[in-house]
Amino acid sequence: MVRAKFVCNSIKQYAYGGRELSFDAVYDDGTPENQRFSKATPSGSLTMLVNNPPAAEFFILGKAYYLDFTEA
């Protein structure tokens, strides 16, 4: 497994109910954890369209989230 840390920087609400969520890799804000993550992943972005209301509402603008990659 590989873990990254991303911040939700944009939420677009669509008329049909879906939400487009955009994330960027965390930056070095002086905290030890974010320094480690920003050194390992200095840049990155993710955009996803979510149609599941409970899942879409889980994400909050400006909050950080761990992104875990495991082989499928």
C-alpha atoms as a PDB file:
ATOM      1  CA  MET A   1       0.000   0.000   0.000  1.00  0.00           C
ATOM      2  CA  VAL A   2       1.102   3.566  -0.700  1.00  0.00           C
ATOM      3  CA  ARG A   3      -0.452   6.473   1.199  1.00  0.00           C
ATOM      4  CA  ALA A   4      -0.698  10.072   0.021  1.00  0.00           C
ATOM      5  CA  LYS A   5      -2.310  13.092   1.663  1.00  0.00           C
ATOM      6  CA  PHE A   6      -4.523  15.427  -0.362  1.00  0.00           C
ATOM      7  CA  VAL A   7      -6.573  18.542   0.389  1.00  0.00           C
ATOM      8  CA  CYS A   8     -10.038  19.121  -1.079  1.00  0.00           C
ATOM      9  CA  ASN A   9      -9.726  22.429  -2.930  1.00  0.00           C
ATOM     10  CA  SER A  10     -12.868  22.545  -5.049  1.00  0.00           C
ATOM     11  CA  ILE A  11     -16.420  21.210  -4.919  1.00  0.00           C
ATOM     12  CA  LYS A  12     -18.802  21.778  -7.820  1.00  0.00           C
ATOM     13  CA  GLN A  13     -22.461  20.859  -7.371  1.00  0.00           C
ATOM     14  CA  TYR A  14     -24.311  19.783 -10.519  1.00  0.00           C
ATOM     15  CA  ALA A  15     -28.042  20.211 -11.126  1.00  0.00           C
ATOM     16  CA  TYR A  16     -28.578  16.455 -11.470  1.00  0.00           C
ATOM     17  CA  GLY A  17     -27.147  15.904  -7.988  1.00  0.00           C
ATOM     18  CA  GLY A  18     -23.564  14.828  -8.627  1.00  0.00           C
ATOM     19  CA  ARG A  19     -20.526  16.629  -7.252  1.00  0.00           C
ATOM     20  CA  GLU A  20     -17.139  17.137  -8.827  1.00  0.00           C
ATOM     21  CA  LEU A  21     -14.429  16.999  -6.171  1.00  0.00           C
ATOM     22  CA  SER A  22     -10.884  18.234  -6.783  1.00  0.00           C
ATOM     23  CA  PHE A  23      -7.882  17.593  -4.566  1.00  0.00           C
ATOM     24  CA  ASP A  24      -4.213  18.651  -4.501  1.00  0.00           C
ATOM     25  CA  ALA A  25      -1.287  17.077  -2.659  1.00  0.00           C
ATOM     26  CA  VAL A  26      -0.616  18.673   0.742  1.00  0.00           C
ATOM     27  CA  TYR A  27       2.063  21.308   0.982  1.00  0.00           C
ATOM     28  CA  ASP A  28       4.706  21.824   3.642  1.00  0.00           C
ATOM     29  CA  ASP A  29       2.946  24.013   6.209  1.00  0.00           C
ATOM     30  CA  GLY A  30       5.562  23.411   8.898  1.00  0.00           C
ATOM     31  CA  THR A  31       3.886  20.429  10.541  1.00  0.00           C
ATOM     32  CA  PRO A  32       6.121  17.329  10.642  1.00  0.00           C
ATOM     33  CA  GLU A  33       3.498  15.082   8.999  1.00  0.00           C
ATOM     34  CA  ASN A  34       2.848  17.459   6.104  1.00  0.00           C
ATOM     35  CA  GLN A  35       6.590  17.969   5.640  1.00  0.00           C
ATOM     36  CA  ARG A  36       6.992  14.206   5.186  1.00  0.00           C
ATOM     37  CA  PHE A  37       4.086  13.941   2.761  1.00  0.00           C
ATOM     38  CA  SER A  38       5.088  16.983   0.692  1.00  0.00           C
ATOM     39  CA  LYS A  39       8.667  15.672   0.407  1.00  0.00           C
ATOM     40  CA  ALA A  40       7.415  12.297  -0.881  1.00  0.00           C
ATOM     41  CA  THR A  41       4.644  13.755  -3.084  1.00  0.00           C
ATOM     42  CA  PRO A  42       5.589  17.361  -3.862  1.00  0.00           C
ATOM     43  CA  SER A  43       2.741  17.746  -6.337  1.00  0.00           C
ATOM     44  CA  GLY A  44      -0.308  15.896  -7.500  1.00  0.00           C
ATOM     45  CA  SER A  45      -3.978  16.365  -8.256  1.00  0.00           C
ATOM     46  CA  LEU A  46      -7.122  14.272  -8.334  1.00  0.00           C
ATOM     47  CA  THR A  47     -10.562  15.087  -9.689  1.00  0.00           C
ATOM     48  CA  MET A  48     -13.523  12.765  -9.334  1.00  0.00           C
ATOM     49  CA  LEU A  49     -17.229  12.962 -10.049  1.00  0.00           C
ATOM     50  CA  VAL A  50     -19.270  11.422  -7.231  1.00  0.00           C
ATOM     51  CA  ASN A  51     -22.929  10.472  -7.705  1.00  0.00           C
ATOM     52  CA  ASN A  52     -23.429   8.849  -4.298  1.00  0.00           C
ATOM     53  CA  PRO A  53     -24.839  11.586  -1.981  1.00  0.00           C
ATOM     54  CA  PRO A  54     -23.480  10.202   1.320  1.00  0.00           C
ATOM     55  CA  ALA A  55     -20.022   9.762  -0.229  1.00  0.00           C
ATOM     56  CA  ALA A  56     -20.072  13.217  -1.836  1.00  0.00           C
ATOM     57  CA  GLU A  57     -21.160  14.880   1.416  1.00  0.00           C
ATOM     58  CA  PHE A  58     -18.287  13.202   3.288  1.00  0.00           C
ATOM     59  CA  PHE A  59     -15.782  15.594   1.682  1.00  0.00           C
ATOM     60  CA  ILE A  60     -15.429  19.138   3.036  1.00  0.00           C
ATOM     61  CA  LEU A  61     -13.718  22.005   1.253  1.00  0.00           C
ATOM     62  CA  GLY A  62     -10.300  22.741   2.765  1.00  0.00           C
ATOM     63  CA  LYS A  63     -10.027  19.460   4.697  1.00  0.00           C
ATOM     64  CA  ALA A  64      -7.172  16.982   4.193  1.00  0.00           C
ATOM     65  CA  TYR A  65      -7.695  13.296   3.396  1.00  0.00           C
ATOM     66  CA  TYR A  66      -5.435  10.275   3.143  1.00  0.00           C
ATOM     67  CA  LEU A  67      -5.462   8.552  -0.226  1.00  0.00           C
ATOM     68  CA  ASP A  68      -4.481   4.893  -0.016  1.00  0.00           C
ATOM     69  CA  PHE A  69      -3.395   2.987  -3.102  1.00  0.00           C
ATOM     70  CA  THR A  70      -3.632  -0.775  -3.077  1.00  0.00           C
ATOM     71  CA  GLU A  71      -3.288  -3.033  -6.056  1.00  0.00           C
ATOM     72  CA  ALA A  72      -6.636  -4.214  -7.440  1.00  0.00           C
END
